[in-house]
């Protein structure tokens, strides 16, 4: 999966690729790092107002595969490669676990 007109490519499982290509994904570089994440902008209704939010590719995949086990958990890239978004490389983790895996 490519991000817009850039050379950033994500590694995905085939079934996720077929689902994700319906949207345009962009790349956002992480602070103080050469790494980054693919995301898309979505509109969500908050009360009576529509607002734009970023939906991260790895979060979209994890929410599709299995529901968040507990509130406050985040998707974690097991091998620390933010562009490897295969199901075997993603897991739900606490914020502490996620930060320790950097």
Protein backbone atom coordinates (compact mmCIF):
# COMPACT_ATOMS: atom_id res chain seq x y z
CA UNK A 1 0.00 0.00 0.00
CA UNK A 2 1.50 3.33 -1.06
CA UNK A 3 0.79 6.66 0.61
CA UNK A 4 -0.40 9.20 -1.91
CA UNK A 5 2.39 10.31 -4.23
CA UNK A 6 5.21 9.42 -1.85
CA UNK A 7 7.51 6.44 -1.70
CA UNK A 8 6.25 5.28 1.69
CA UNK A 9 4.96 1.74 1.50
CA UNK A 10 3.24 -0.37 4.12
CA UNK A 11 3.51 -4.13 4.38
CA UNK A 12 0.00 -5.62 4.77
CA UNK A 13 -1.84 -8.90 4.67
CA UNK A 14 -3.66 -9.36 1.37
CA UNK A 15 -7.18 -9.30 2.86
CA UNK A 16 -6.42 -6.03 4.65
CA UNK A 17 -4.94 -4.55 1.49
CA UNK A 18 -8.15 -5.27 -0.45
CA UNK A 19 -10.14 -3.48 2.27
CA UNK A 20 -7.77 -0.52 2.77
CA UNK A 21 -7.30 0.49 -0.87
CA UNK A 22 -10.74 2.10 -0.88
CA UNK A 23 -9.24 5.10 0.97
CA UNK A 24 -6.31 7.39 0.34
CA UNK A 25 -3.59 7.11 2.99
CA UNK A 26 -0.96 9.72 3.82
CA UNK A 27 2.34 9.53 5.66
CA UNK A 28 3.11 11.42 8.86
CA UNK A 29 6.65 11.37 10.23
CA UNK A 30 7.10 10.76 13.94
CA UNK A 31 8.67 13.47 16.05
CA UNK A 32 12.46 13.20 16.35
CA UNK A 33 12.53 10.05 14.22
CA UNK A 34 12.89 8.83 10.66
CA UNK A 35 9.89 6.55 11.27
CA UNK A 36 6.29 7.44 10.59
CA UNK A 37 2.77 6.13 10.18
CA UNK A 38 0.12 6.00 7.47
CA UNK A 39 -3.18 7.69 8.26
CA UNK A 40 -6.33 9.03 6.69
CA UNK A 41 -8.62 11.85 7.77
CA UNK A 42 -12.17 10.92 8.74
CA UNK A 43 -15.16 13.01 9.80
CA UNK A 44 -16.83 12.05 13.07
CA UNK A 45 -19.81 13.59 14.78
CA UNK A 46 -19.12 14.95 18.26
CA UNK A 47 -22.41 16.04 19.74
CA UNK A 48 -24.01 18.04 16.93
CA UNK A 49 -20.73 19.04 15.24
CA UNK A 50 -18.70 17.15 12.63
CA UNK A 51 -14.94 17.21 13.27
CA UNK A 52 -11.93 15.81 11.40
CA UNK A 53 -9.81 13.16 13.07
CA UNK A 54 -6.85 11.08 11.97
CA UNK A 55 -7.39 7.34 11.66
CA UNK A 56 -4.10 5.46 11.79
CA UNK A 57 -3.69 2.50 9.46
CA UNK A 58 -2.51 0.12 12.21
CA UNK A 59 -5.48 1.10 14.40
CA UNK A 60 -7.93 0.48 11.55
CA UNK A 61 -6.48 -3.00 11.04
CA UNK A 62 -6.52 -3.91 14.72
CA UNK A 63 -10.09 -2.68 15.23
CA UNK A 64 -11.11 -4.77 12.24
CA UNK A 65 -9.35 -7.91 13.49
CA UNK A 66 -10.33 -7.83 17.17
CA UNK A 67 -12.00 -5.34 19.49
CA UNK A 68 -9.87 -3.44 21.99
CA UNK A 69 -9.60 -5.75 25.02
CA UNK A 70 -9.65 -2.91 27.58
CA UNK A 71 -10.13 0.85 27.30
CA UNK A 72 -6.89 2.78 26.85
CA UNK A 73 -5.02 0.09 24.95
CA UNK A 74 -3.22 0.95 21.71
CA UNK A 75 -1.97 -1.05 18.73
CA UNK A 76 1.72 -1.94 18.99
CA UNK A 77 4.14 -2.93 16.22
CA UNK A 78 5.92 -5.96 17.68
CA UNK A 79 9.06 -5.58 15.52
CA UNK A 80 9.06 -1.76 15.94
CA UNK A 81 8.72 -1.28 12.16
CA UNK A 82 5.84 1.18 11.80
CA UNK A 83 5.39 0.27 8.14
CA UNK A 84 4.98 -3.46 8.87
CA UNK A 85 1.23 -3.61 9.41
CA UNK A 86 0.74 -7.34 8.99
CA UNK A 87 -1.60 -8.96 11.50
CA UNK A 88 1.22 -11.07 12.95
CA UNK A 89 3.16 -7.89 13.72
CA UNK A 90 0.35 -6.02 15.50
CA UNK A 91 -0.98 -6.53 19.01
CA UNK A 92 -2.98 -4.58 21.59
CA UNK A 93 -0.76 -3.13 24.32
CA UNK A 94 -0.98 -0.71 27.20
CA UNK A 95 0.67 2.67 26.72
CA UNK A 96 3.49 1.54 29.01
CA UNK A 97 4.09 -1.63 27.00
CA UNK A 98 3.99 0.38 23.78
CA UNK A 99 6.55 2.88 25.04
CA UNK A 100 8.87 0.11 26.26
CA UNK A 101 8.80 -1.41 22.76
CA UNK A 102 10.46 1.60 21.09
